[in-house]
Protein backbone atom coordinates (compact mmCIF):
# COMPACT_ATOMS: atom_id res chain seq x y z
CA MET A 1 161.91 70.54 100.94
CA THR A 2 161.57 70.15 104.47
CA VAL A 3 164.09 68.11 106.17
CA PRO A 4 161.67 65.58 106.50
CA GLN A 5 161.33 64.42 103.38
CA VAL A 6 164.69 64.82 102.59
CA PHE A 7 164.98 61.82 104.81
CA ARG A 8 161.57 60.33 103.21
CA ALA A 9 163.41 60.90 99.56
CA ALA A 10 166.40 59.74 101.00
CA ALA A 11 165.16 56.67 102.45
CA ARG A 12 162.96 56.08 98.90
CA LEU A 13 166.25 56.38 97.34
CA LEU A 14 168.13 53.82 98.98
CA VAL A 15 165.32 51.03 99.04
CA VAL A 16 165.31 51.45 94.61
CA ASN A 17 168.61 51.96 94.33
CA GLY A 18 170.59 50.14 97.17
CA LEU A 19 173.22 50.97 99.73
CA TRP A 20 176.43 51.81 99.36
CA LYS A 21 179.81 51.43 101.37
CA GLY A 22 183.20 53.05 100.64
CA ASP A 23 182.48 55.96 98.67
CA PHE A 24 179.65 57.83 97.20
CA CYS A 25 179.09 55.36 94.13
CA PRO A 26 180.43 52.59 92.67
CA ASP A 27 182.85 53.61 90.15
CA PRO A 28 182.47 57.26 90.54
CA ARG A 29 185.12 57.96 88.16
CA ASP A 30 182.94 55.71 85.55
CA ARG A 31 185.90 54.11 84.73
CA TYR A 32 183.34 50.57 84.32
CA VAL A 33 179.73 51.38 85.01
CA LYS A 34 177.88 53.98 82.27
CA THR A 35 175.33 54.08 84.53
CA PRO A 36 173.98 57.64 85.88
CA HIS A 37 175.39 58.44 89.21
CA ALA A 38 171.91 58.75 90.43
CA GLU A 39 170.65 55.60 89.63
CA ARG A 40 174.13 53.47 91.11
CA PRO A 41 173.96 52.34 94.81
CA LEU A 42 174.99 55.39 96.94
CA SER A 43 176.18 55.76 100.34
CA ILE A 44 173.86 57.67 102.61
CA VAL A 45 175.49 60.88 102.81
CA ALA A 46 175.31 60.57 98.57
CA ALA A 47 171.75 59.94 99.03
CA LEU A 48 170.91 62.70 100.62
CA MET A 49 172.45 65.11 98.74
CA CYS A 50 171.03 63.47 95.50
CA VAL A 51 167.10 63.96 96.26
CA THR A 52 168.06 68.00 97.48
CA THR A 53 170.48 68.52 94.05
CA GLY A 54 169.68 65.33 91.93
CA ASP A 55 173.07 64.64 92.01
CA PRO A 56 174.79 62.31 94.32
CA HIS A 57 177.96 64.47 94.42
CA MET A 58 176.52 67.59 94.95
CA GLY A 59 175.71 69.47 98.36
CA SER A 60 173.00 72.14 98.84
CA LYS A 61 172.23 73.78 102.14
CA LEU A 62 169.12 72.01 103.07
CA ALA A 63 171.29 68.17 102.76
CA ASP A 64 173.99 69.99 104.65
CA GLU A 65 171.09 70.03 107.65
CA ALA A 66 170.20 67.21 106.80
CA ILE A 67 173.55 65.77 107.78
CA VAL A 68 173.84 67.63 110.67
CA VAL A 69 170.41 66.18 112.00
CA LEU A 70 171.39 63.01 110.95
CA ALA A 71 174.96 62.79 112.52
CA MET A 72 173.36 63.92 115.99
CA ARG A 73 170.73 61.01 116.19
CA LEU A 74 173.99 58.42 115.03
CA GLU A 75 176.51 57.00 116.76
CA VAL A 76 179.74 55.02 116.03
CA ASP A 77 181.66 52.72 117.99
CA GLY A 78 179.63 54.32 121.07
CA GLU A 79 180.53 57.82 120.18
CA ALA A 80 177.83 60.69 119.30
CA PRO A 81 179.61 63.30 116.16
CA ASP A 82 181.78 66.19 117.97
CA ALA A 83 178.80 68.91 116.94
CA ASP A 84 181.53 72.05 117.08
CA LEU A 85 183.29 70.08 113.90
CA GLY A 86 181.09 71.45 111.36
CA ARG A 87 179.22 69.31 108.35
CA PRO A 88 182.31 67.30 106.97
CA TRP A 89 183.09 65.30 110.43
CA MET A 90 179.36 65.37 110.14
CA ALA A 91 179.37 63.47 106.75
CA MET A 92 182.20 61.64 107.47
CA HIS A 93 180.48 60.08 110.75
CA VAL A 94 177.31 59.52 108.69
CA ASP A 95 179.24 57.76 106.09
CA GLU A 96 180.91 55.86 108.90
CA TRP A 97 178.12 54.66 110.03
CA GLY A 98 177.34 53.66 106.80
CA ASP A 99 180.14 51.82 106.07
CA PHE A 100 180.06 49.54 109.23
CA GLU A 101 180.53 45.88 108.46
CA GLY A 102 177.46 44.52 108.22
CA ARG A 103 175.12 47.39 107.96
CA THR A 104 171.90 46.94 105.22
CA ALA A 105 170.18 49.33 103.33
CA GLU A 106 167.31 48.32 105.49
CA SER A 107 169.22 49.30 108.15
CA ALA A 108 170.10 52.52 106.79
CA VAL A 109 165.57 52.82 105.88
CA ALA A 110 164.69 52.49 108.70
CA VAL A 111 167.53 54.95 110.84
CA LEU A 112 166.61 57.48 107.90
CA GLU A 113 162.20 57.15 108.13
CA ALA A 114 162.97 57.29 112.00
CA ALA A 115 165.08 60.68 111.90
CA ALA A 116 162.04 61.66 109.56
CA ASP A 117 159.04 61.11 112.09
CA ALA A 118 161.49 62.46 114.89
CA SER A 119 162.70 65.56 113.11
CA GLU A 120 158.86 65.88 112.08
CA VAL A 121 157.70 65.94 115.59
CA SER A 122 160.74 68.75 116.76
CA VAL A 123 158.93 71.47 113.70
């Protein structure tokens, strides 16, 4: 799987499951919801991890690469992420963008598709 393929697969997953804000998925400790985590609405970062590992809580080198590429495309409050801070900060930047009030699954899908297109051109 390539980074553009990860973006497209994550976009499809968000179309099916929906976008979740505030955590990787609803009820991550399974107190109330019994549906498998990969079938629940997901944050963008969780969707990227899920399509590479099958688990929205488990990262991979490919998911990390996709997260960094996506983070560098997004601005939060007019600011790009600090590229020197590394993957955890990049993931937080992507999640912060996804958590923005009024953010929809459709806009997250559009950003993932655009990132896939741009990544294919640059490869």
